[in-house]
Amino acid sequence: MASMNFSASKQFTKPPQRGIFPLDHDGECKIHMTNYLECLKGEKSQHHKCRELSRDYLQCRMDRQLMAQENLDKMGFSQDAKVTNAEEYDKSKEREGYIAGKHIDKQMKWWFQKS
């Protein structure tokens, strides 16, 4: 039979960690979320192309107190953090038969192995 421990100490709850915020149960920002997700789908998950929609979604959540107020520039939306001239990797080497690491002929030694 298992014993039960009824300690006299009171249990304290902690506030949520940074980045954890309530769900949007009322769908207040659903239109912003769906616009962003549709953009991601249309742009093959290249999030930098949907940057403004992401910003709008986060701003909506902050305006409705679904997350803490935060400077969006500090969240990666400043002009300095903007991605420009990004290109998708075309996997041309792999199509030609390239295998990573296959060109290494000698036996590799671990840091703990003496030469």
Protein backbone atom coordinates (compact mmCIF):
# COMPACT_ATOMS: atom_id res chain seq x y z
CA MET A 1 0.00 0.00 0.00
CA ALA A 2 1.41 3.34 -0.98
CA SER A 3 1.81 5.95 1.70
CA MET A 4 0.49 9.44 1.09
CA ASN A 5 2.44 12.52 2.05
CA PHE A 6 0.32 15.46 3.17
CA SER A 7 2.95 18.07 3.83
CA ALA A 8 2.02 21.20 5.68
CA SER A 9 3.97 23.39 3.28
CA LYS A 10 1.98 25.43 0.84
CA GLN A 11 2.56 24.89 -2.86
CA PHE A 12 3.41 27.98 -4.84
CA THR A 13 2.71 28.46 -8.50
CA LYS A 14 5.21 30.12 -10.79
CA PRO A 15 4.34 32.60 -13.53
CA PRO A 16 4.77 31.24 -17.05
CA GLN A 17 8.22 31.30 -18.57
CA ARG A 18 9.10 33.82 -21.24
CA GLY A 19 7.67 32.68 -24.54
CA ILE A 20 4.79 30.78 -22.98
CA PHE A 21 1.48 32.57 -23.35
CA PRO A 22 -2.23 31.73 -23.34
CA LEU A 23 -3.94 30.21 -26.34
CA ASP A 24 -6.27 32.34 -28.39
CA HIS A 25 -9.46 30.49 -27.39
CA ASP A 26 -11.75 33.24 -28.67
CA GLY A 27 -10.01 33.43 -32.05
CA GLU A 28 -9.27 37.14 -31.71
CA CYS A 29 -6.12 36.88 -33.84
CA LYS A 30 -7.17 33.94 -35.99
CA ILE A 31 -7.33 35.96 -39.21
CA HIS A 32 -3.70 37.08 -38.73
CA MET A 33 -2.64 33.52 -37.92
CA THR A 34 -4.34 32.04 -41.00
CA ASN A 35 -2.88 34.73 -43.26
CA TYR A 36 0.59 33.93 -41.95
CA LEU A 37 0.15 30.17 -42.31
CA GLU A 38 -1.21 30.53 -45.84
CA CYS A 39 1.78 32.68 -46.72
CA LEU A 40 4.16 30.04 -45.33
CA LYS A 41 2.41 27.37 -47.35
CA GLY A 42 2.54 29.45 -50.53
CA GLU A 43 6.19 30.39 -50.04
CA LYS A 44 7.34 26.82 -49.25
CA SER A 45 7.99 27.63 -45.56
CA GLN A 46 10.40 30.47 -46.29
CA HIS A 47 9.43 32.52 -43.26
CA HIS A 48 11.40 35.62 -44.25
CA LYS A 49 8.94 36.19 -47.09
CA CYS A 50 6.04 36.30 -44.60
CA ARG A 51 7.77 38.59 -42.12
CA GLU A 52 5.15 41.37 -42.07
CA LEU A 53 2.32 38.90 -41.51
CA SER A 54 4.21 37.38 -38.60
CA ARG A 55 4.73 40.86 -37.15
CA ASP A 56 0.99 41.62 -37.51
CA TYR A 57 0.09 38.38 -35.72
CA LEU A 58 2.39 39.05 -32.78
CA GLN A 59 1.18 42.65 -32.54
CA CYS A 60 -2.42 41.41 -32.46
CA ARG A 61 -1.57 39.04 -29.59
CA MET A 62 0.10 41.85 -27.66
CA ASP A 63 -2.78 44.25 -28.25
CA ARG A 64 -5.25 41.71 -26.86
CA GLN A 65 -2.97 40.82 -23.92
CA LEU A 66 -2.46 37.24 -25.08
CA MET A 67 1.25 37.80 -24.63
CA ALA A 68 3.43 40.33 -22.86
CA GLN A 69 4.17 43.64 -24.54
CA GLU A 70 7.56 43.44 -26.19
CA ASN A 71 9.50 45.61 -28.58
CA LEU A 72 9.15 43.87 -31.96
CA ASP A 73 12.57 45.12 -33.00
CA LYS A 74 14.07 43.04 -30.20
CA MET A 75 12.10 40.04 -31.44
CA GLY A 76 13.89 40.08 -34.80
CA PHE A 77 11.70 42.50 -36.76
CA SER A 78 14.16 45.39 -36.97
CA GLN A 79 15.44 46.55 -40.35
CA ASP A 80 18.90 45.20 -39.45
CA ALA A 81 17.49 41.69 -39.02
CA LYS A 82 15.64 41.70 -42.33
CA VAL A 83 16.66 38.87 -44.65
CA THR A 84 17.54 39.98 -48.18
CA ASN A 85 18.68 38.03 -51.24
CA ALA A 86 18.03 34.63 -49.66
CA GLU A 87 18.11 31.77 -52.12
CA GLU A 88 16.75 28.28 -51.73
CA TYR A 89 19.39 25.55 -51.92
CA ASP A 90 18.82 23.62 -55.14
CA LYS A 91 20.55 20.33 -54.13
CA SER A 92 22.48 20.22 -57.39
CA LYS A 93 25.47 18.47 -55.78
CA GLU A 94 23.25 15.70 -54.40
CA ARG A 95 21.65 15.15 -57.82
CA GLU A 96 25.13 14.65 -59.25
CA GLY A 97 25.87 11.93 -56.68
CA TYR A 98 27.75 13.91 -54.02
CA ILE A 99 27.76 12.26 -50.58
CA ALA A 100 28.97 14.33 -47.64
CA GLY A 101 32.14 12.94 -46.06
CA LYS A 102 32.81 10.36 -48.77
CA HIS A 103 35.88 12.28 -49.95
CA ILE A 104 37.67 11.68 -46.63
CA ASP A 105 39.97 8.68 -47.05
CA LYS A 106 41.93 8.56 -43.81
CA GLN A 107 40.74 7.18 -40.50
CA MET A 108 39.52 9.93 -38.17
CA LYS A 109 40.73 9.93 -34.57
CA TRP A 110 38.78 11.11 -31.58
CA TRP A 111 40.17 13.73 -29.21
CA PHE A 112 40.99 11.08 -26.60
CA GLN A 113 42.96 8.88 -29.00
CA LYS A 114 46.68 9.60 -29.01
CA SER A 115 48.50 9.91 -32.32
